[in-house]
Amino acid sequence: MYFIQRGPVLVILLCGGDKSTQSKDIKQAKVLAAEWKG
């Protein structure tokens, strides 16, 4: 589970797996966070 903070709002990114997919999961979380930031 990853999260970003947008002002007073905490956005929880539910995109996780296990250790074998951790690098891929982090990349996906960064993509989603960038989309939220606009």
PDB file of N, CA and C in Angstrom:
ATOM      1  N   MET A   1       0.859  -1.167   0.000  1.00  0.00           N
ATOM      2  CA  MET A   1       0.000   0.000   0.000  1.00  0.00           C
ATOM      3  C   MET A   1       0.907   1.232   0.000  1.00  0.00           C
ATOM      4  N   TYR A   2       0.549   2.190  -0.807  1.00  0.00           N
ATOM      5  CA  TYR A   2       1.305   3.434  -0.920  1.00  0.00           C
ATOM      6  C   TYR A   2       0.327   4.586  -0.734  1.00  0.00           C
ATOM      7  N   PHE A   3       0.843   5.774  -0.471  1.00  0.00           N
ATOM      8  CA  PHE A   3      -0.056   6.915  -0.296  1.00  0.00           C
ATOM      9  C   PHE A   3       0.628   8.190  -0.748  1.00  0.00           C
ATOM     10  N   ILE A   4      -0.202   9.195  -1.060  1.00  0.00           N
ATOM     11  CA  ILE A   4       0.271  10.547  -1.330  1.00  0.00           C
ATOM     12  C   ILE A   4      -0.617  11.501  -0.545  1.00  0.00           C
ATOM     13  N   GLN A   5      -0.100  12.658  -0.250  1.00  0.00           N
ATOM     14  CA  GLN A   5      -0.871  13.679   0.454  1.00  0.00           C
ATOM     15  C   GLN A   5      -1.117  14.833  -0.491  1.00  0.00           C
ATOM     16  N   ARG A   6      -2.383  15.198  -0.641  1.00  0.00           N
ATOM     17  CA  ARG A   6      -2.790  16.335  -1.471  1.00  0.00           C
ATOM     18  C   ARG A   6      -3.451  17.342  -0.551  1.00  0.00           C
ATOM     19  N   GLY A   7      -2.652  18.263  -0.025  1.00  0.00           N
ATOM     20  CA  GLY A   7      -3.189  19.210   0.951  1.00  0.00           C
ATOM     21  C   GLY A   7      -3.655  18.440   2.173  1.00  0.00           C
ATOM     22  N   PRO A   8      -4.899  18.678   2.604  1.00  0.00           N
ATOM     23  CA  PRO A   8      -5.389  17.970   3.787  1.00  0.00           C
ATOM     24  C   PRO A   8      -5.885  16.550   3.489  1.00  0.00           C
ATOM     25  N   VAL A   9      -5.869  16.157   2.219  1.00  0.00           N
ATOM     26  CA  VAL A   9      -6.422  14.858   1.818  1.00  0.00           C
ATOM     27  C   VAL A   9      -5.308  13.824   1.668  1.00  0.00           C
ATOM     28  N   LEU A  10      -5.509  12.672   2.263  1.00  0.00           N
ATOM     29  CA  LEU A  10      -4.579  11.557   2.136  1.00  0.00           C
ATOM     30  C   LEU A  10      -5.159  10.578   1.117  1.00  0.00           C
ATOM     31  N   VAL A  11      -4.431  10.342   0.031  1.00  0.00           N
ATOM     32  CA  VAL A  11      -4.880   9.430  -1.021  1.00  0.00           C
ATOM     33  C   VAL A  11      -4.117   8.122  -0.852  1.00  0.00           C
ATOM     34  N   ILE A  12      -4.844   7.049  -0.604  1.00  0.00           N
ATOM     35  CA  ILE A  12      -4.227   5.740  -0.419  1.00  0.00           C
ATOM     36  C   ILE A  12      -4.282   4.988  -1.740  1.00  0.00           C
ATOM     37  N   LEU A  13      -3.112   4.560  -2.198  1.00  0.00           N
ATOM     38  CA  LEU A  13      -3.005   3.826  -3.458  1.00  0.00           C
ATOM     39  C   LEU A  13      -2.950   2.339  -3.136  1.00  0.00           C
ATOM     40  N   LEU A  14      -4.010   1.635  -3.448  1.00  0.00           N
ATOM     41  CA  LEU A  14      -4.079   0.205  -3.155  1.00  0.00           C
ATOM     42  C   LEU A  14      -3.562  -0.579  -4.351  1.00  0.00           C
ATOM     43  N   CYS A  15      -2.274  -0.567  -4.528  1.00  0.00           N
ATOM     44  CA  CYS A  15      -1.671  -1.267  -5.662  1.00  0.00           C
ATOM     45  C   CYS A  15      -0.389  -1.932  -5.193  1.00  0.00           C
ATOM     46  N   GLY A  16      -0.538  -3.022  -4.541  1.00  0.00           N
ATOM     47  CA  GLY A  16       0.633  -3.703  -4.015  1.00  0.00           C
ATOM     48  C   GLY A  16       0.565  -5.189  -4.276  1.00  0.00           C
ATOM     49  N   GLY A  17       1.678  -5.824  -4.095  1.00  0.00           N
ATOM     50  CA  GLY A  17       1.750  -7.263  -4.270  1.00  0.00           C
ATOM     51  C   GLY A  17       2.615  -7.850  -3.172  1.00  0.00           C
ATOM     52  N   ASP A  18       3.619  -8.605  -3.582  1.00  0.00           N
ATOM     53  CA  ASP A  18       4.554  -9.163  -2.620  1.00  0.00           C
ATOM     54  C   ASP A  18       5.977  -8.776  -3.018  1.00  0.00           C
ATOM     55  N   LYS A  19       6.949  -9.329  -2.341  1.00  0.00           N
ATOM     56  CA  LYS A  19       8.346  -8.950  -2.599  1.00  0.00           C
ATOM     57  C   LYS A  19       8.746  -9.178  -4.052  1.00  0.00           C
ATOM     58  N   SER A  20       8.197 -10.201  -4.692  1.00  0.00           N
ATOM     59  CA  SER A  20       8.597 -10.512  -6.070  1.00  0.00           C
ATOM     60  C   SER A  20       8.126  -9.463  -7.069  1.00  0.00           C
ATOM     61  N   THR A  21       7.099  -8.689  -6.717  1.00  0.00           N
ATOM     62  CA  THR A  21       6.578  -7.662  -7.629  1.00  0.00           C
ATOM     63  C   THR A  21       6.792  -6.249  -7.093  1.00  0.00           C
ATOM     64  N   GLN A  22       7.583  -6.115  -6.044  1.00  0.00           N
ATOM     65  CA  GLN A  22       7.726  -4.825  -5.371  1.00  0.00           C
ATOM     66  C   GLN A  22       8.211  -3.714  -6.302  1.00  0.00           C
ATOM     67  N   SER A  23       9.223  -3.973  -7.121  1.00  0.00           N
ATOM     68  CA  SER A  23       9.736  -2.930  -8.029  1.00  0.00           C
ATOM     69  C   SER A  23       8.657  -2.476  -8.999  1.00  0.00           C
ATOM     70  N   LYS A  24       7.929  -3.422  -9.570  1.00  0.00           N
ATOM     71  CA  LYS A  24       6.837  -3.104 -10.492  1.00  0.00           C
ATOM     72  C   LYS A  24       5.738  -2.328  -9.766  1.00  0.00           C
ATOM     73  N   ASP A  25       5.415  -2.738  -8.555  1.00  0.00           N
ATOM     74  CA  ASP A  25       4.368  -2.073  -7.772  1.00  0.00           C
ATOM     75  C   ASP A  25       4.735  -0.626  -7.462  1.00  0.00           C
ATOM     76  N   ILE A  26       5.998  -0.383  -7.129  1.00  0.00           N
ATOM     77  CA  ILE A  26       6.451   0.978  -6.833  1.00  0.00           C
ATOM     78  C   ILE A  26       6.357   1.847  -8.078  1.00  0.00           C
ATOM     79  N   LYS A  27       6.758   1.311  -9.223  1.00  0.00           N
ATOM     80  CA  LYS A  27       6.654   2.070 -10.479  1.00  0.00           C
ATOM     81  C   LYS A  27       5.204   2.421 -10.776  1.00  0.00           C
ATOM     82  N   GLN A  28       4.304   1.454 -10.584  1.00  0.00           N
ATOM     83  CA  GLN A  28       2.879   1.702 -10.836  1.00  0.00           C
ATOM     84  C   GLN A  28       2.334   2.749  -9.867  1.00  0.00           C
ATOM     85  N   ALA A  29       2.730   2.682  -8.612  1.00  0.00           N
ATOM     86  CA  ALA A  29       2.284   3.668  -7.625  1.00  0.00           C
ATOM     87  C   ALA A  29       2.756   5.064  -8.003  1.00  0.00           C
ATOM     88  N   LYS A  30       3.981   5.171  -8.511  1.00  0.00           N
ATOM     89  CA  LYS A  30       4.506   6.473  -8.941  1.00  0.00           C
ATOM     90  C   LYS A  30       3.730   7.014 -10.129  1.00  0.00           C
ATOM     91  N   VAL A  31       3.347   6.137 -11.056  1.00  0.00           N
ATOM     92  CA  VAL A  31       2.538   6.561 -12.207  1.00  0.00           C
ATOM     93  C   VAL A  31       1.188   7.082 -11.725  1.00  0.00           C
ATOM     94  N   LEU A  32       0.542   6.338 -10.845  1.00  0.00           N
ATOM     95  CA  LEU A  32      -0.763   6.764 -10.323  1.00  0.00           C
ATOM     96  C   LEU A  32      -0.654   8.072  -9.542  1.00  0.00           C
ATOM     97  N   ALA A  33       0.400   8.220  -8.755  1.00  0.00           N
ATOM     98  CA  ALA A  33       0.596   9.458  -7.992  1.00  0.00           C
ATOM     99  C   ALA A  33       0.792  10.641  -8.928  1.00  0.00           C
ATOM    100  N   ALA A  34       1.536  10.436 -10.005  1.00  0.00           N
ATOM    101  CA  ALA A  34       1.758  11.515 -10.976  1.00  0.00           C
ATOM    102  C   ALA A  34       0.446  11.918 -11.642  1.00  0.00           C
ATOM    103  N   GLU A  35      -0.420  10.947 -11.920  1.00  0.00           N
ATOM    104  CA  GLU A  35      -1.728  11.261 -12.513  1.00  0.00           C
ATOM    105  C   GLU A  35      -2.574  12.087 -11.551  1.00  0.00           C
ATOM    106  N   TRP A  36      -2.508  11.786 -10.261  1.00  0.00           N
ATOM    107  CA  TRP A  36      -3.263  12.548  -9.274  1.00  0.00           C
ATOM    108  C   TRP A  36      -2.738  13.965  -9.144  1.00  0.00           C
ATOM    109  N   LYS A  37      -1.427  14.135  -9.275  1.00  0.00           N
ATOM    110  CA  LYS A  37      -0.832  15.465  -9.147  1.00  0.00           C
ATOM    111  C   LYS A  37      -1.148  16.340 -10.344  1.00  0.00           C
ATOM    112  N   GLY A  38      -1.369  15.712 -11.505  1.00  0.00           N
ATOM    113  CA  GLY A  38      -1.735  16.447 -12.702  1.00  0.00           C
ATOM    114  C   GLY A  38      -0.675  17.162 -13.364  1.00  0.00           C
TER     115      GLY A  38
END
